[in-house]
Amino acid sequence: MKRKEYEEKLRAWEAEGYDVSELREKWFPLKGRKSRIGIWLSLVVVIFIAVAGVVVWQAMQPAPPSVPAVRIPSPAPTTSPTPAPTPIPAPVAVARYTLATSASPAGAGSVSPGSGTYDTGASVSAVASPAPGYIFDHWSGDFSGTSPTMVLTMDSNKNVVANFVPVYSLSKSINPPEGGSITVSPPSAPYGAGATVTLEAAAAPGYRFSHWSGDAFGTNSITTITMDSNKTVIANFAVIRVSLITSVSPLGAGTVNPSSGTYDMGSKVTLTASPASGYRFALWSGDATGTSSAISITMDSDKNIIANFVSEQLKVSFGGWYVGGIKVDTATKGNNVVVKMTISGGTPGQYKILVRRDIVWAEDQTVSELTFNHEGALSTKDLAFVAAYATGEASTDGYHVDVVKDGYGIWSMTNAYPPRLRVNR
């Protein structure tokens, strides 16, 4: 193979990326390489001589017209790319709003904190404080409410007014002091101007509400006043007066002292009953009880009291015979009969009423009796029995009544028919 072919193969393999240095050393020994180096050096010398000749030639040429030198900038040095810095956001402007506070009327109070400028969305807390003689009433403007403390969100410019009103005092009194009491609603004091206050008067036992005076008026126990100045109210009470009416029975049988009159509620009154000649006191009735001729009563209401007297002499009254609720003079065998008797006067003691069947030839036969204590006043009694015939040919078919005291007969019915009851055969 020719040298030229070897060189072409070597260059082809070098182009393909193979290391052909060993083959080059083998195929082309060092002698041949040195001759090639000489050729290259000769070529360089020729080029240098040619360039030098050109330079000399240019130097011998006439100078061209003066042309301003133009500086050609040197190319920028090649450097590695620097990473771009992270951008910093531009500052955002925060909106600011103004809060203006004031008090009305001027000098009536203050707001803390006062006027100022705040960031948007800021929460502002303020307190209204009244000056002496005033009380906080309400907020107005860009805030509303009745609490002296407000919390406001600053989302725009704000104008807030704390409104105050004058305060007034309420003085109350009772006349007479023990007559009752006053309830005030609302009870807190002092009161702001324009406040409505309700007054209620309550009477103590034995008293009644009379009327209002001072800065309140009327006879109704409940009233209202408007606080537009300092107020004084008086609740006036009056003692309740009750009446006492006394009487005697029977009329003319005695007296009562004191007699009828009007008294303060709750007062004490002593009553004394005095009998007329031929009578004695028996008992109290109506709104009083008892058998003592002198009693003490409490006037807690109107009273009607009767002093009862009885005659010193006994009085027995026959009320009649009754069959089936009908007054009769005669009865039939087997009838249920009731006799009515009334006893008054006389001396107190144990009394007995006897219903007896008439028998001519023997002692009368008792068919019904009633024993009771008679105090001298009116005693009304009913006795019942069953009508029957008397036994024996000499009997009379009838009944009569006897009254006995302490074993002695003190009254007996006459023999006539009537009042005696006849029983028909």
Foldseek 3Di string as FASTA:
>chain_A
DDPVVVVVVVVVVVVVPDDCVVVCCVVPPVVVVVVVVVVVVVVVVVVVVVVVVVVVVVVPDDDDPDDDDDDDDDDDDDDDDDDDDDDDDDDDDFDKAKEAEAEPPHPQWDKPPHIDIDTAQDKDKIFIGGDPQKDWAWKDWPDTDGHRIDIDGHNHHGYMYTYIFGWAAEAEAEVPNQFWDKDKPVPDDGDGAFDKIKIATDGDQQKDWAWKDWQDTDRHRIDMDGPNHHGYMYTYIDGDKAKEAEEEPPPPQWDKPPHIDIDTAFDKDKIATDGDPQKDWQWKDFQDTDGHRIDMDTRNHHGYMYTYIFGQDKDKDWPAKDFPNDGDLEAAAFTKIKTKMKMAHHAWAKKKKFKWFFADVDDTHTFWMDIDTDRRHIDMDMIIGGQDADDDPRTFRWIWMWMDGPRHTDDTADPDRPVIYHYDD
